[in-house]
Amino acid sequence: MLNLLWLAFFVIAFVAGLGQWLILDNSQIFETINLAMFSMAKTAVDISFGLVGILTFWLGIMKIAEKSGFIAGLSRALSPLFSRLMPQVPRNHPAFGSITLNLSANMLGLDNAATPLGLKAMQDLQSLNPKKDTASNAQILFLVLNTSSVTLFPMSIIFYRMQQGAASPADVFIPILLATMASTIAGLLSVIVMQRINLKDSVLLLNFAILFAGLFAFIGYLMQLSAAELTQQSSLLANLTLLSLITAFLLRAHFKKVNVFDTFIEGASEGFSIAIKLIPYLIAMLVAVAAFRASGCLDYLLALIRSLVELFNADTRFVDALPTALMQPFSGSGGRAMMLETMNQYGADSFAGRLASIFQGSTETTFYVIAVYFGSVGIRYTRHAIGCGLVADLVGIIAAISVCYWFYG
C-alpha cells in the first residue's frame, strides 16, 4: 500500500501541474513543484540529523533502564494487558516496557522523548518479527496507538495560541482531549477488527474500564483549573515527570551495581546509525507530500468540499480550518504552518482558529511516523497499518469538528 500511495502522490502532482499549465497557462507550476521537492529533501536530511542528539541521549538512558531491570519490571506489570493485545509477543518481554514509556511520553506531550522511546520499542518488536521487511501485528498495533495516542498536555498548541493573541490560550484543552480520545479509540478498534483480537476478554475490559475512568477523572480535575493554572501545572507535571524518570533510571542502576556511564555510552552509540538509516525513508515520503502540496491539489480538494457542503446548505465555517486537518497526517510542520496561517487570517479566537488548533492537537503525522518508525527497522510492507492509522485520523477530524461546534457554536 505504501508503494502505491507514494506513486499516487507523484502522479497526481504531475497531472495537476499539467492541468494548470494547459488550462490556466501557469508555466511556472513545474518549477514550483520541483523546488518544493528539492527543498523538502533537504528538510528531511535536516530532520534526521536533528534527531541524532536526542536519539543518542535517549537510547543511552534506555540502555541504563534496561540493564537496571526497570523495563523488565514495567513489562511484567503490563504483560496481562499487552499479551492479549499482542499475543505474538511473549509475556514479560522488554518491548512492553518500551511501548509503555513511549505512550506515556506522548500523553505528557514530551515529543523529544517520545520518538527515541518509540524507535526503541519498534526495535524490540522487530527482534520478534519473523518477516523482517513486513510489519507484524504487534508493530502495527503499536504504530496506530502511537499515531493516535491521547495527548494530555498540548503545550505547543497553547503556546502558539498565546503567540497569536488568544484571549484564553488554553481554552481548547478539553476539546483537544476529547477529539484525540475519539481518535485513539477508533484506531484501537480498527486494529482489533483487522487482527481479530478478542475484545470480550475480561482482562481487556477491566483494563480499559480503569484506564478510561482514570482519564475522565483527570479531565474532571483539569476542568476546575483556570487557564493560567492549567498551563502552569501541565508544564510542571510534564517536565517533572521527565526529569524524575531519568533520575529513577540512574539511581536504580547504581543500586543494582550497573556501570551507568559505560552502559549509557553503549546505548548512545546506536543513536547516530539509526538517525542516518532514517534519511532515505524520510526523503521518499516527505518529497512526495511536498510535490502533492505544491501542485495545488490541496486547494482543489478544499474547493470541492466547500461546494459539497454548500450544496446541502450546511455551515461551511469548518472548511476554513481543513487545511490543517488534511496536511497534518502527511507533515507535522505543514500542519503547524496551516494552523498558524488560519489563526493569522481569521483570528486565534475565531471558529476556524480554534478548530485548526484542535485539529493540530488531536491528529498525528501518520505518514511521517510510518516512515520514521518502520524505516528505522527496514520495514517495507506496512499491511493494514496505513489504513488503520487513517481511520484514526478521520475519526479525529470528525470528532474535532463536532466538539468545536459543541463548545463554540
Foldseek 3Di string as FASTA:
>chain_A
DVVVVLVVLQVLLVVLLVCCCVPVVPPCLVVLLVVLLVVQLVVLLVVLVVLLVLLLQLLLLVLLCVLLCVLLVQQQVCQVQVCLQPVLDDRSQSLNSLLVVLLVLQQLVVVSNNQSSLLVSLVSVCVSDPDLQEDDLSNLLSLLCNQLRAHQPPLVQLVLLVVQPPPQSCPLRVLLRQLSVQLNVLLNVVSCVVVVRPCPDPSNVVVVVVVVVVVVVVVVVLVPDGSVVNSVVSVVVSVVVVVVSSVVSVVSSVVVVHPSVVSSNVRSVVSSVLSVLLSVLSSSQSSSLSSSVSSCVVVVVLVVVQVVCVVVVHDCLQSLQCQLLVCFLRDLVSSVVSLSVSCNVQNCPDLSNSLSSSSSSRGHNSSNSCSSNSSSSNHDHHPCSVVSSVSSSVSSNVSSVVSSVVVPD
